[in-house]
Amino acid sequence: MRTIGEAVAYIDRFPEAEQLTKEWQAAMLALKVVIDHDGPTMFARMGMMSALDRGVPPPIRWTGRTRRWRARN
């Protein structure tokens, strides 16, 4: 999907039960904000990406910190 119109057409192809899930409702709301109010297109991107990743658990993030064990004085 390269344009907002393509994103709207993509969502319109889903069955109505799929469109009524909270993830796709949020994506459609983000698209509407971008279209109607000249909102940031990043909102639409974030909404679409979160809806497309629905059901996929988030990756485990390694913080890079290790616990350093020291002898107590």
Protein backbone atom coordinates (compact mmCIF):
# COMPACT_ATOMS: atom_id res chain seq x y z
CA MET A 1 0.00 0.00 0.00
CA ARG A 2 1.54 3.22 -1.12
CA THR A 3 -1.34 5.67 -0.83
CA ILE A 4 -4.16 6.32 1.60
CA GLY A 5 -6.64 5.32 -1.10
CA GLU A 6 -4.99 1.93 -1.45
CA ALA A 7 -5.16 1.45 2.33
CA VAL A 8 -8.88 2.29 2.36
CA ALA A 9 -9.51 -0.07 -0.56
CA TYR A 10 -7.56 -2.81 1.26
CA ILE A 11 -9.73 -2.48 4.36
CA ASP A 12 -12.93 -2.37 2.29
CA ARG A 13 -12.17 -5.83 0.86
CA PHE A 14 -12.43 -7.44 4.30
CA PRO A 15 -15.66 -9.02 5.51
CA GLU A 16 -17.67 -6.82 7.86
CA ALA A 17 -16.86 -8.97 10.90
CA GLU A 18 -13.15 -8.41 10.29
CA GLN A 19 -13.64 -4.67 9.81
CA LEU A 20 -15.37 -4.42 13.19
CA THR A 21 -12.36 -5.64 15.18
CA LYS A 22 -10.80 -3.02 17.43
CA GLU A 23 -7.50 -3.02 15.52
CA TRP A 24 -9.10 -2.27 12.15
CA GLN A 25 -11.45 0.28 13.73
CA ALA A 26 -8.40 2.12 15.09
CA ALA A 27 -6.67 1.92 11.70
CA MET A 28 -9.74 3.35 9.96
CA LEU A 29 -9.97 6.14 12.54
CA ALA A 30 -6.31 7.01 11.95
CA LEU A 31 -6.91 7.07 8.20
CA LYS A 32 -9.92 9.32 8.70
CA VAL A 33 -7.90 11.77 10.81
CA VAL A 34 -5.27 11.96 8.08
CA ILE A 35 -7.82 12.39 5.29
CA ASP A 36 -10.25 14.81 6.95
CA HIS A 37 -7.97 16.91 9.10
CA ASP A 38 -4.61 16.76 7.28
CA GLY A 39 -3.15 14.82 10.19
CA PRO A 40 0.31 13.31 10.12
CA THR A 41 0.50 10.35 7.77
CA MET A 42 2.54 8.53 10.40
CA PHE A 43 -0.74 8.05 12.32
CA ALA A 44 -2.18 6.13 9.39
CA ARG A 45 0.98 4.08 9.06
CA MET A 46 1.01 3.19 12.75
CA GLY A 47 -2.66 2.25 12.67
CA MET A 48 -2.26 0.04 9.62
CA MET A 49 0.88 -1.66 10.94
CA SER A 50 -0.70 -2.45 14.30
CA ALA A 51 -3.80 -3.85 12.57
CA LEU A 52 -1.70 -5.95 10.19
CA ASP A 53 0.33 -7.34 13.11
CA ARG A 54 -2.81 -8.31 15.01
CA GLY A 55 -2.40 -11.57 16.87
CA VAL A 56 1.39 -11.61 16.59
CA PRO A 57 3.08 -11.41 19.99
CA PRO A 58 5.54 -8.54 20.38
CA PRO A 59 9.19 -9.49 20.14
CA ILE A 60 11.17 -9.98 23.30
CA ARG A 61 13.46 -7.05 23.75
CA TRP A 62 16.86 -7.46 25.21
CA THR A 63 17.87 -4.33 27.07
CA GLY A 64 21.56 -5.07 26.98
CA ARG A 65 21.86 -4.67 30.71
CA THR A 66 23.31 -7.43 32.78
CA ARG A 67 23.06 -7.73 36.47
CA ARG A 68 26.43 -7.37 38.03
CA TRP A 69 26.94 -9.37 41.14
CA ARG A 70 29.41 -7.92 43.56
CA ALA A 71 30.64 -9.17 46.85
CA ARG A 72 29.25 -7.19 49.71
CA ASN A 73 31.78 -5.41 51.85
